[in-house]
PDB file of N, CA and C in Angstrom:
ATOM      1  N   MET A   1      59.190 -46.930   4.529  1.00  0.00           N
ATOM      2  CA  MET A   1      57.959 -47.640   4.847  1.00  0.00           C
ATOM      3  C   MET A   1      57.226 -46.871   5.947  1.00  0.00           C
ATOM      4  N   SER A   2      55.955 -46.687   5.775  1.00  0.00           N
ATOM      5  CA  SER A   2      55.149 -46.042   6.807  1.00  0.00           C
ATOM      6  C   SER A   2      54.897 -47.039   7.930  1.00  0.00           C
ATOM      7  N   VAL A   3      55.187 -46.641   9.125  1.00  0.00           N
ATOM      8  CA  VAL A   3      55.056 -47.523  10.279  1.00  0.00           C
ATOM      9  C   VAL A   3      53.595 -47.855  10.548  1.00  0.00           C
ATOM     10  N   ARG A   4      53.338 -49.114  10.746  1.00  0.00           N
ATOM     11  CA  ARG A   4      52.056 -49.637  11.196  1.00  0.00           C
ATOM     12  C   ARG A   4      50.939 -49.530  10.165  1.00  0.00           C
ATOM     13  N   VAL A   5      51.266 -49.428   8.898  1.00  0.00           N
ATOM     14  CA  VAL A   5      50.244 -49.428   7.856  1.00  0.00           C
ATOM     15  C   VAL A   5      49.922 -50.866   7.483  1.00  0.00           C
ATOM     16  N   THR A   6      48.651 -51.202   7.500  1.00  0.00           N
ATOM     17  CA  THR A   6      48.165 -52.507   7.069  1.00  0.00           C
ATOM     18  C   THR A   6      46.683 -52.377   6.776  1.00  0.00           C
ATOM     19  N   ARG A   7      46.102 -53.397   6.201  1.00  0.00           N
ATOM     20  CA  ARG A   7      44.650 -53.358   5.976  1.00  0.00           C
ATOM     21  C   ARG A   7      43.979 -53.542   7.326  1.00  0.00           C
ATOM     22  N   GLN A   8      43.220 -52.539   7.714  1.00  0.00           N
ATOM     23  CA  GLN A   8      42.522 -52.570   8.990  1.00  0.00           C
ATOM     24  C   GLN A   8      41.351 -51.604   8.939  1.00  0.00           C
ATOM     25  N   TRP A   9      40.483 -51.708   9.946  1.00  0.00           N
ATOM     26  CA  TRP A   9      39.321 -50.832  10.035  1.00  0.00           C
ATOM     27  C   TRP A   9      39.779 -49.414  10.314  1.00  0.00           C
ATOM     28  N   GLY A  10      39.372 -48.502   9.447  1.00  0.00           N
ATOM     29  CA  GLY A  10      39.628 -47.082   9.648  1.00  0.00           C
ATOM     30  C   GLY A  10      38.307 -46.368   9.854  1.00  0.00           C
ATOM     31  N   SER A  11      37.980 -46.048  11.093  1.00  0.00           N
ATOM     32  CA  SER A  11      36.658 -45.488  11.396  1.00  0.00           C
ATOM     33  C   SER A  11      36.414 -44.156  10.694  1.00  0.00           C
ATOM     34  N   HIS A  12      37.489 -43.425  10.388  1.00  0.00           N
ATOM     35  CA  HIS A  12      37.308 -42.146   9.703  1.00  0.00           C
ATOM     36  C   HIS A  12      36.765 -42.342   8.290  1.00  0.00           C
ATOM     37  N   ARG A  13      37.017 -43.508   7.681  1.00  0.00           N
ATOM     38  CA  ARG A  13      36.513 -43.801   6.338  1.00  0.00           C
ATOM     39  C   ARG A  13      35.325 -44.757   6.376  1.00  0.00           C
ATOM     40  N   GLY A  14      35.178 -45.465   7.474  1.00  0.00           N
ATOM     41  CA  GLY A  14      34.097 -46.424   7.588  1.00  0.00           C
ATOM     42  C   GLY A  14      34.307 -47.684   6.772  1.00  0.00           C
ATOM     43  N   THR A  15      35.582 -48.003   6.480  1.00  0.00           N
ATOM     44  CA  THR A  15      35.899 -49.187   5.684  1.00  0.00           C
ATOM     45  C   THR A  15      37.197 -49.811   6.172  1.00  0.00           C
ATOM     46  N   VAL A  16      37.467 -51.013   5.661  1.00  0.00           N
ATOM     47  CA  VAL A  16      38.768 -51.644   5.861  1.00  0.00           C
ATOM     48  C   VAL A  16      39.645 -51.201   4.705  1.00  0.00           C
ATOM     49  N   ASP A  17      40.792 -50.635   5.016  1.00  0.00           N
ATOM     50  CA  ASP A  17      41.686 -50.113   3.995  1.00  0.00           C
ATOM     51  C   ASP A  17      43.103 -50.080   4.548  1.00  0.00           C
ATOM     52  N   HIS A  18      44.087 -49.825   3.704  1.00  0.00           N
ATOM     53  CA  HIS A  18      45.457 -49.639   4.173  1.00  0.00           C
ATOM     54  C   HIS A  18      45.512 -48.295   4.902  1.00  0.00           C
ATOM     55  N   CYS A  19      45.840 -48.321   6.176  1.00  0.00           N
ATOM     56  CA  CYS A  19      45.888 -47.080   6.939  1.00  0.00           C
ATOM     57  C   CYS A  19      46.672 -47.291   8.232  1.00  0.00           C
ATOM     58  N   GLN A  20      46.956 -46.180   8.888  1.00  0.00           N
ATOM     59  CA  GLN A  20      47.485 -46.191  10.242  1.00  0.00           C
ATOM     60  C   GLN A  20      46.326 -45.826  11.148  1.00  0.00           C
ATOM     61  N   VAL A  21      46.322 -46.377  12.344  1.00  0.00           N
ATOM     62  CA  VAL A  21      45.259 -46.077  13.286  1.00  0.00           C
ATOM     63  C   VAL A  21      45.885 -45.522  14.559  1.00  0.00           C
ATOM     64  N   GLY A  22      45.362 -44.416  15.016  1.00  0.00           N
ATOM     65  CA  GLY A  22      45.833 -43.809  16.248  1.00  0.00           C
ATOM     66  C   GLY A  22      44.744 -43.799  17.296  1.00  0.00           C
ATOM     67  N   VAL A  23      45.156 -43.835  18.539  1.00  0.00           N
ATOM     68  CA  VAL A  23      44.242 -43.706  19.669  1.00  0.00           C
ATOM     69  C   VAL A  23      44.645 -42.421  20.382  1.00  0.00           C
ATOM     70  N   PHE A  24      43.693 -41.535  20.583  1.00  0.00           N
ATOM     71  CA  PHE A  24      43.972 -40.208  21.131  1.00  0.00           C
ATOM     72  C   PHE A  24      43.171 -39.978  22.398  1.00  0.00           C
ATOM     73  N   MET A  25      43.757 -39.258  23.331  1.00  0.00           N
ATOM     74  CA  MET A  25      43.012 -38.813  24.505  1.00  0.00           C
ATOM     75  C   MET A  25      43.235 -37.322  24.676  1.00  0.00           C
ATOM     76  N   GLY A  26      42.146 -36.601  24.675  1.00  0.00           N
ATOM     77  CA  GLY A  26      42.194 -35.158  24.887  1.00  0.00           C
ATOM     78  C   GLY A  26      41.356 -34.792  26.089  1.00  0.00           C
ATOM     79  N   TYR A  27      41.522 -33.567  26.546  1.00  0.00           N
ATOM     80  CA  TYR A  27      40.757 -33.064  27.680  1.00  0.00           C
ATOM     81  C   TYR A  27      40.153 -31.733  27.266  1.00  0.00           C
ATOM     82  N   VAL A  28      38.850 -31.604  27.450  1.00  0.00           N
ATOM     83  CA  VAL A  28      38.147 -30.408  26.983  1.00  0.00           C
ATOM     84  C   VAL A  28      37.404 -29.764  28.144  1.00  0.00           C
ATOM     85  N   LEU A  29      37.621 -28.460  28.295  1.00  0.00           N
ATOM     86  CA  LEU A  29      36.887 -27.641  29.254  1.00  0.00           C
ATOM     87  C   LEU A  29      36.055 -26.633  28.465  1.00  0.00           C
ATOM     88  N   HIS A  30      35.289 -25.817  29.145  1.00  0.00           N
ATOM     89  CA  HIS A  30      34.465 -24.825  28.450  1.00  0.00           C
ATOM     90  C   HIS A  30      35.296 -23.871  27.604  1.00  0.00           C
ATOM     91  N   HIS A  31      36.464 -23.483  28.103  1.00  0.00           N
ATOM     92  CA  HIS A  31      37.251 -22.456  27.414  1.00  0.00           C
ATOM     93  C   HIS A  31      38.623 -22.915  26.949  1.00  0.00           C
ATOM     94  N   ASP A  32      38.922 -24.208  27.052  1.00  0.00           N
ATOM     95  CA  ASP A  32      40.258 -24.668  26.668  1.00  0.00           C
ATOM     96  C   ASP A  32      40.224 -26.170  26.377  1.00  0.00           C
ATOM     97  N   HIS A  33      41.293 -26.662  25.788  1.00  0.00           N
ATOM     98  CA  HIS A  33      41.416 -28.084  25.513  1.00  0.00           C
ATOM     99  C   HIS A  33      42.897 -28.446  25.396  1.00  0.00           C
ATOM    100  N   ALA A  34      43.197 -29.740  25.579  1.00  0.00           N
ATOM    101  CA  ALA A  34      44.585 -30.204  25.484  1.00  0.00           C
ATOM    102  C   ALA A  34      44.606 -31.644  25.007  1.00  0.00           C
ATOM    103  N   LEU A  35      45.608 -31.980  24.216  1.00  0.00           N
ATOM    104  CA  LEU A  35      45.849 -33.361  23.817  1.00  0.00           C
ATOM    105  C   LEU A  35      46.734 -33.984  24.895  1.00  0.00           C
ATOM    106  N   LEU A  36      46.247 -35.026  25.557  1.00  0.00           N
ATOM    107  CA  LEU A  36      46.982 -35.637  26.662  1.00  0.00           C
ATOM    108  C   LEU A  36      47.858 -36.804  26.225  1.00  0.00           C
ATOM    109  N   ASP A  37      47.378 -37.588  25.274  1.00  0.00           N
ATOM    110  CA  ASP A  37      48.095 -38.805  24.914  1.00  0.00           C
ATOM    111  C   ASP A  37      47.719 -39.200  23.492  1.00  0.00           C
ATOM    112  N   VAL A  38      48.656 -39.793  22.780  1.00  0.00           N
ATOM    113  CA  VAL A  38      48.395 -40.323  21.439  1.00  0.00           C
ATOM    114  C   VAL A  38      49.277 -41.555  21.245  1.00  0.00           C
ATOM    115  N   ARG A  39      48.695 -42.593  20.669  1.00  0.00           N
ATOM    116  CA  ARG A  39      49.445 -43.821  20.427  1.00  0.00           C
ATOM    117  C   ARG A  39      49.022 -44.397  19.086  1.00  0.00           C
ATOM    118  N   LEU A  40      49.981 -44.867  18.331  1.00  0.00           N
ATOM    119  CA  LEU A  40      49.658 -45.600  17.118  1.00  0.00           C
ATOM    120  C   LEU A  40      49.354 -47.041  17.500  1.00  0.00           C
ATOM    121  N   ALA A  41      48.288 -47.574  16.942  1.00  0.00           N
ATOM    122  CA  ALA A  41      47.941 -48.969  17.192  1.00  0.00           C
ATOM    123  C   ALA A  41      48.875 -49.853  16.371  1.00  0.00           C
ATOM    124  N   LEU A  42      49.521 -50.808  17.003  1.00  0.00           N
ATOM    125  CA  LEU A  42      50.435 -51.719  16.330  1.00  0.00           C
ATOM    126  C   LEU A  42      49.675 -52.998  15.973  1.00  0.00           C
ATOM    127  N   PRO A  43      49.376 -53.208  14.691  1.00  0.00           N
ATOM    128  CA  PRO A  43      48.662 -54.416  14.290  1.00  0.00           C
ATOM    129  C   PRO A  43      49.463 -55.680  14.613  1.00  0.00           C
ATOM    130  N   ARG A  44      48.772 -56.797  14.804  1.00  0.00           N
ATOM    131  CA  ARG A  44      49.425 -58.053  15.159  1.00  0.00           C
ATOM    132  C   ARG A  44      50.481 -58.469  14.148  1.00  0.00           C
ATOM    133  N   ASP A  45      50.197 -58.284  12.847  1.00  0.00           N
ATOM    134  CA  ASP A  45      51.181 -58.721  11.853  1.00  0.00           C
ATOM    135  C   ASP A  45      52.467 -57.908  11.951  1.00  0.00           C
ATOM    136  N   TRP A  46      52.372 -56.647  12.340  1.00  0.00           N
ATOM    137  CA  TRP A  46      53.586 -55.835  12.554  1.00  0.00           C
ATOM    138  C   TRP A  46      54.337 -56.336  13.782  1.00  0.00           C
ATOM    139  N   ALA A  47      53.629 -56.747  14.800  1.00  0.00           N
ATOM    140  CA  ALA A  47      54.272 -57.214  16.026  1.00  0.00           C
ATOM    141  C   ALA A  47      54.984 -58.549  15.815  1.00  0.00           C
ATOM    142  N   ARG A  48      54.441 -59.399  14.928  1.00  0.00           N
ATOM    143  CA  ARG A  48      54.991 -60.736  14.729  1.00  0.00           C
ATOM    144  C   ARG A  48      56.086 -60.820  13.680  1.00  0.00           C
ATOM    145  N   GLU A  49      56.097 -59.896  12.711  1.00  0.00           N
ATOM    146  CA  GLU A  49      57.011 -60.010  11.578  1.00  0.00           C
ATOM    147  C   GLU A  49      58.239 -59.121  11.746  1.00  0.00           C
ATOM    148  N   ALA A  50      59.382 -59.765  11.949  1.00  0.00           N
ATOM    149  CA  ALA A  50      60.641 -59.048  12.212  1.00  0.00           C
ATOM    150  C   ALA A  50      61.011 -58.095  11.083  1.00  0.00           C
ATOM    151  N   HIS A  51      60.752 -58.465   9.843  1.00  0.00           N
ATOM    152  CA  HIS A  51      61.111 -57.577   8.725  1.00  0.00           C
ATOM    153  C   HIS A  51      60.302 -56.290   8.743  1.00  0.00           C
ATOM    154  N   ARG A  52      59.048 -56.352   9.188  1.00  0.00           N
ATOM    155  CA  ARG A  52      58.238 -55.126   9.302  1.00  0.00           C
ATOM    156  C   ARG A  52      58.757 -54.251  10.440  1.00  0.00           C
ATOM    157  N   ARG A  53      59.064 -54.869  11.553  1.00  0.00           N
ATOM    158  CA  ARG A  53      59.615 -54.102  12.687  1.00  0.00           C
ATOM    159  C   ARG A  53      60.894 -53.396  12.274  1.00  0.00           C
ATOM    160  N   ALA A  54      61.759 -54.097  11.578  1.00  0.00           N
ATOM    161  CA  ALA A  54      63.043 -53.523  11.171  1.00  0.00           C
ATOM    162  C   ALA A  54      62.851 -52.395  10.163  1.00  0.00           C
ATOM    163  N   ALA A  55      61.910 -52.543   9.252  1.00  0.00           N
ATOM    164  CA  ALA A  55      61.681 -51.526   8.224  1.00  0.00           C
ATOM    165  C   ALA A  55      61.021 -50.283   8.806  1.00  0.00           C
ATOM    166  N   GLY A  56      60.302 -50.442   9.907  1.00  0.00           N
ATOM    167  CA  GLY A  56      59.531 -49.347  10.513  1.00  0.00           C
ATOM    168  C   GLY A  56      60.313 -48.158  10.993  1.00  0.00           C
ATOM    169  N   PRO A  57      61.255 -48.185  11.830  1.00  0.00           N
ATOM    170  CA  PRO A  57      61.562 -49.280  12.744  1.00  0.00           C
ATOM    171  C   PRO A  57      60.639 -49.236  13.962  1.00  0.00           C
ATOM    172  N   VAL A  58      60.323 -50.406  14.480  1.00  0.00           N
ATOM    173  CA  VAL A  58      59.479 -50.512  15.670  1.00  0.00           C
ATOM    174  C   VAL A  58      60.294 -51.239  16.731  1.00  0.00           C
ATOM    175  N   PRO A  59      60.604 -50.596  17.861  1.00  0.00           N
ATOM    176  CA  PRO A  59      61.394 -51.241  18.917  1.00  0.00           C
ATOM    177  C   PRO A  59      60.705 -52.502  19.450  1.00  0.00           C
ATOM    178  N   LEU A  60      61.491 -53.463  19.878  1.00  0.00           N
ATOM    179  CA  LEU A  60      60.936 -54.711  20.414  1.00  0.00           C
ATOM    180  C   LEU A  60      60.073 -54.479  21.653  1.00  0.00           C
ATOM    181  N   ALA A  61      60.335 -53.395  22.373  1.00  0.00           N
ATOM    182  CA  ALA A  61      59.555 -53.094  23.577  1.00  0.00           C
ATOM    183  C   ALA A  61      58.105 -52.732  23.240  1.00  0.00           C
ATOM    184  N   VAL A  62      57.854 -52.305  22.019  1.00  0.00           N
ATOM    185  CA  VAL A  62      56.503 -51.934  21.604  1.00  0.00           C
ATOM    186  C   VAL A  62      55.768 -53.200  21.186  1.00  0.00           C
ATOM    187  N   GLN A  63      54.669 -53.488  21.857  1.00  0.00           N
ATOM    188  CA  GLN A  63      53.892 -54.695  21.589  1.00  0.00           C
ATOM    189  C   GLN A  63      52.527 -54.327  21.004  1.00  0.00           C
ATOM    190  N   SER A  64      51.875 -55.308  20.417  1.00  0.00           N
ATOM    191  CA  SER A  64      50.538 -55.106  19.864  1.00  0.00           C
ATOM    192  C   SER A  64      49.525 -55.050  21.005  1.00  0.00           C
ATOM    193  N   HIS A  65      48.742 -53.991  21.033  1.00  0.00           N
ATOM    194  CA  HIS A  65      47.639 -53.837  21.981  1.00  0.00           C
ATOM    195  C   HIS A  65      46.421 -53.428  21.171  1.00  0.00           C
ATOM    196  N   THR A  66      45.267 -53.878  21.571  1.00  0.00           N
ATOM    197  CA  THR A  66      44.066 -53.441  20.873  1.00  0.00           C
ATOM    198  C   THR A  66      43.844 -51.962  21.145  1.00  0.00           C
ATOM    199  N   ARG A  67      43.087 -51.341  20.297  1.00  0.00           N
ATOM    200  CA  ARG A  67      42.743 -49.923  20.497  1.00  0.00           C
ATOM    201  C   ARG A  67      42.019 -49.752  21.828  1.00  0.00           C
ATOM    202  N   TYR A  68      41.227 -50.764  22.189  1.00  0.00           N
ATOM    203  CA  TYR A  68      40.462 -50.696  23.432  1.00  0.00           C
ATOM    204  C   TYR A  68      41.382 -50.750  24.638  1.00  0.00           C
ATOM    205  N   ALA A  69      42.368 -51.630  24.590  1.00  0.00           N
ATOM    206  CA  ALA A  69      43.331 -51.716  25.694  1.00  0.00           C
ATOM    207  C   ALA A  69      44.092 -50.404  25.821  1.00  0.00           C
ATOM    208  N   GLN A  70      44.468 -49.807  24.685  1.00  0.00           N
ATOM    209  CA  GLN A  70      45.171 -48.523  24.736  1.00  0.00           C
ATOM    210  C   GLN A  70      44.287 -47.445  25.353  1.00  0.00           C
ATOM    211  N   GLY A  71      43.016 -47.422  24.983  1.00  0.00           N
ATOM    212  CA  GLY A  71      42.091 -46.444  25.564  1.00  0.00           C
ATOM    213  C   GLY A  71      41.962 -46.604  27.063  1.00  0.00           C
ATOM    214  N   LEU A  72      41.874 -47.840  27.526  1.00  0.00           N
ATOM    215  CA  LEU A  72      41.781 -48.085  28.968  1.00  0.00           C
ATOM    216  C   LEU A  72      43.073 -47.700  29.687  1.00  0.00           C
ATOM    217  N   GLU A  73      44.227 -47.998  29.069  1.00  0.00           N
ATOM    218  CA  GLU A  73      45.506 -47.599  29.668  1.00  0.00           C
ATOM    219  C   GLU A  73      45.578 -46.075  29.801  1.00  0.00           C
ATOM    220  N   MET A  74      45.118 -45.374  28.787  1.00  0.00           N
ATOM    221  CA  MET A  74      45.136 -43.907  28.841  1.00  0.00           C
ATOM    222  C   MET A  74      44.213 -43.384  29.933  1.00  0.00           C
ATOM    223  N   LEU A  75      43.025 -43.968  30.041  1.00  0.00           N
ATOM    224  CA  LEU A  75      42.108 -43.533  31.096  1.00  0.00           C
ATOM    225  C   LEU A  75      42.706 -43.814  32.466  1.00  0.00           C
ATOM    226  N   ASP A  76      43.364 -44.967  32.626  1.00  0.00           N
ATOM    227  CA  ASP A  76      44.009 -45.282  33.903  1.00  0.00           C
ATOM    228  C   ASP A  76      45.142 -44.301  34.209  1.00  0.00           C
ATOM    229  N   THR A  77      45.865 -43.888  33.177  1.00  0.00           N
ATOM    230  CA  THR A  77      46.982 -42.958  33.358  1.00  0.00           C
ATOM    231  C   THR A  77      46.507 -41.537  33.648  1.00  0.00           C
ATOM    232  N   TRP A  78      45.512 -41.069  32.906  1.00  0.00           N
ATOM    233  CA  TRP A  78      45.122 -39.658  32.956  1.00  0.00           C
ATOM    234  C   TRP A  78      43.815 -39.375  33.699  1.00  0.00           C
ATOM    235  N   GLY A  79      43.001 -40.408  33.941  1.00  0.00           N
ATOM    236  CA  GLY A  79      41.660 -40.200  34.474  1.00  0.00           C
ATOM    237  C   GLY A  79      41.574 -39.429  35.769  1.00  0.00           C
ATOM    238  N   GLU A  80      42.449 -39.728  36.707  1.00  0.00           N
ATOM    239  CA  GLU A  80      42.397 -39.051  38.008  1.00  0.00           C
ATOM    240  C   GLU A  80      42.936 -37.628  37.947  1.00  0.00           C
ATOM    241  N   GLN A  81      43.730 -37.324  36.923  1.00  0.00           N
ATOM    242  CA  GLN A  81      44.316 -35.990  36.814  1.00  0.00           C
ATOM    243  C   GLN A  81      43.341 -34.962  36.243  1.00  0.00           C
ATOM    244  N   GLY A  82      42.280 -35.432  35.652  1.00  0.00           N
ATOM    245  CA  GLY A  82      41.281 -34.520  35.098  1.00  0.00           C
ATOM    246  C   GLY A  82      39.889 -35.030  35.384  1.00  0.00           C
ATOM    247  N   PRO A  83      39.173 -34.360  36.272  1.00  0.00           N
ATOM    248  CA  PRO A  83      37.815 -34.816  36.572  1.00  0.00           C
ATOM    249  C   PRO A  83      36.975 -34.784  35.285  1.00  0.00           C
ATOM    250  N   HIS A  84      36.150 -35.801  35.117  1.00  0.00           N
ATOM    251  CA  HIS A  84      35.359 -35.884  33.894  1.00  0.00           C
ATOM    252  C   HIS A  84      33.996 -36.497  34.174  1.00  0.00           C
ATOM    253  N   GLY A  85      33.021 -36.054  33.421  1.00  0.00           N
ATOM    254  CA  GLY A  85      31.679 -36.590  33.545  1.00  0.00           C
ATOM    255  C   GLY A  85      31.391 -37.681  32.533  1.00  0.00           C
ATOM    256  N   TRP A  86      32.051 -37.590  31.384  1.00  0.00           N
ATOM    257  CA  TRP A  86      31.847 -38.603  30.356  1.00  0.00           C
ATOM    258  C   TRP A  86      33.056 -38.663  29.440  1.00  0.00           C
ATOM    259  N   VAL A  87      33.151 -39.786  28.709  1.00  0.00           N
ATOM    260  CA  VAL A  87      34.261 -40.001  27.791  1.00  0.00           C
ATOM    261  C   VAL A  87      33.666 -40.359  26.428  1.00  0.00           C
ATOM    262  N   PRO A  88      33.901 -39.544  25.393  1.00  0.00           N
ATOM    263  CA  PRO A  88      33.387 -39.880  24.068  1.00  0.00           C
ATOM    264  C   PRO A  88      34.324 -40.838  23.338  1.00  0.00           C
ATOM    265  N   GLY A  89      33.827 -41.484  22.334  1.00  0.00           N
ATOM    266  CA  GLY A  89      34.624 -42.364  21.496  1.00  0.00           C
ATOM    267  C   GLY A  89      33.966 -42.509  20.140  1.00  0.00           C
ATOM    268  N   ASP A  90      34.636 -43.174  19.236  1.00  0.00           N
ATOM    269  CA  ASP A  90      34.039 -43.368  17.915  1.00  0.00           C
ATOM    270  C   ASP A  90      33.082 -44.554  17.931  1.00  0.00           C
ATOM    271  N   ASP A  91      32.440 -44.800  16.808  1.00  0.00           N
ATOM    272  CA  ASP A  91      31.456 -45.875  16.724  1.00  0.00           C
ATOM    273  C   ASP A  91      32.049 -47.245  17.017  1.00  0.00           C
ATOM    274  N   GLU A  92      33.303 -47.455  16.673  1.00  0.00           N
ATOM    275  CA  GLU A  92      33.956 -48.742  16.911  1.00  0.00           C
ATOM    276  C   GLU A  92      34.044 -49.047  18.404  1.00  0.00           C
ATOM    277  N   GLY A  93      34.397 -48.060  19.222  1.00  0.00           N
ATOM    278  CA  GLY A  93      34.495 -48.271  20.658  1.00  0.00           C
ATOM    279  C   GLY A  93      33.152 -48.614  21.289  1.00  0.00           C
ATOM    280  N   GLY A  94      32.089 -48.041  20.762  1.00  0.00           N
ATOM    281  CA  GLY A  94      30.769 -48.284  21.315  1.00  0.00           C
ATOM    282  C   GLY A  94      30.214 -49.666  21.050  1.00  0.00           C
ATOM    283  N   ARG A  95      30.822 -50.385  20.138  1.00  0.00           N
ATOM    284  CA  ARG A  95      30.336 -51.722  19.785  1.00  0.00           C
ATOM    285  C   ARG A  95      30.818 -52.800  20.738  1.00  0.00           C
ATOM    286  N   ARG A  96      31.828 -52.536  21.519  1.00  0.00           N
ATOM    287  CA  ARG A  96      32.439 -53.538  22.388  1.00  0.00           C
ATOM    288  C   ARG A  96      31.861 -53.450  23.796  1.00  0.00           C
ATOM    289  N   THR A  97      31.023 -54.408  24.131  1.00  0.00           N
ATOM    290  CA  THR A  97      30.346 -54.391  25.427  1.00  0.00           C
ATOM    291  C   THR A  97      31.345 -54.423  26.577  1.00  0.00           C
ATOM    292  N   ARG A  98      32.359 -55.311  26.503  1.00  0.00           N
ATOM    293  CA  ARG A  98      33.354 -55.397  27.587  1.00  0.00           C
ATOM    294  C   ARG A  98      34.106 -54.085  27.739  1.00  0.00           C
ATOM    295  N   PHE A  99      34.378 -53.426  26.643  1.00  0.00           N
ATOM    296  CA  PHE A  99      35.076 -52.141  26.672  1.00  0.00           C
ATOM    297  C   PHE A  99      34.217 -51.085  27.384  1.00  0.00           C
ATOM    298  N   ARG A 100      32.951 -51.005  27.037  1.00  0.00           N
ATOM    299  CA  ARG A 100      32.051 -50.033  27.691  1.00  0.00           C
ATOM    300  C   ARG A 100      31.932 -50.323  29.183  1.00  0.00           C
ATOM    301  N   HIS A 101      31.831 -51.604  29.542  1.00  0.00           N
ATOM    302  CA  HIS A 101      31.738 -51.967  30.959  1.00  0.00           C
ATOM    303  C   HIS A 101      33.024 -51.599  31.698  1.00  0.00           C
ATOM    304  N   ALA A 102      34.163 -51.817  31.080  1.00  0.00           N
ATOM    305  CA  ALA A 102      35.441 -51.480  31.718  1.00  0.00           C
ATOM    306  C   ALA A 102      35.528 -49.979  31.976  1.00  0.00           C
ATOM    307  N   TRP A 103      35.034 -49.154  31.057  1.00  0.00           N
ATOM    308  CA  TRP A 103      35.035 -47.698  31.282  1.00  0.00           C
ATOM    309  C   TRP A 103      34.107 -47.346  32.441  1.00  0.00           C
ATOM    310  N   ARG A 104      32.931 -47.979  32.476  1.00  0.00           N
ATOM    311  CA  ARG A 104      31.980 -47.704  33.564  1.00  0.00           C
ATOM    312  C   ARG A 104      32.580 -48.100  34.915  1.00  0.00           C
ATOM    313  N   GLU A 105      33.310 -49.232  34.951  1.00  0.00           N
ATOM    314  CA  GLU A 105      33.939 -49.667  36.209  1.00  0.00           C
ATOM    315  C   GLU A 105      34.940 -48.632  36.705  1.00  0.00           C
ATOM    316  N   ARG A 106      35.472 -47.834  35.794  1.00  0.00           N
ATOM    317  CA  ARG A 106      36.442 -46.784  36.137  1.00  0.00           C
ATOM    318  C   ARG A 106      35.738 -45.451  36.416  1.00  0.00           C
ATOM    319  N   GLY A 107      34.413 -45.470  36.435  1.00  0.00           N
ATOM    320  CA  GLY A 107      33.652 -44.257  36.752  1.00  0.00           C
ATOM    321  C   GLY A 107      33.404 -43.349  35.561  1.00  0.00           C
ATOM    322  N   ALA A 108      33.690 -43.801  34.364  1.00  0.00           N
ATOM    323  CA  ALA A 108      33.465 -42.980  33.166  1.00  0.00           C
ATOM    324  C   ALA A 108      32.142 -43.377  32.524  1.00  0.00           C
ATOM    325  N   ARG A 109      31.492 -42.372  31.978  1.00  0.00           N
ATOM    326  CA  ARG A 109      30.253 -42.647  31.225  1.00  0.00           C
ATOM    327  C   ARG A 109      30.535 -42.463  29.762  1.00  0.00           C
TER     328      ARG A 109
END
């Protein structure tokens, strides 16, 4: 069984479909780049259903977090280690007013 596959919004396709969703944080300079963090989003139904966790397997310590919460956790973890002027995201992230405000409160544009 593929871990964390369920019907959900996949921004790369622009539709709701069976897919896995990842949240990524990279750092880009003029002459270099690095992937800092990557997390698979755990849908609520995977978090609640023991048979899905067991088939995955998904450890009990892994809980369901929204993609937005994961993005904010990553910025909190990595933000001070790499000075940045702005943070890009996909169209889904831009739709959430509270999410955009939370990034601004952290000094990110």
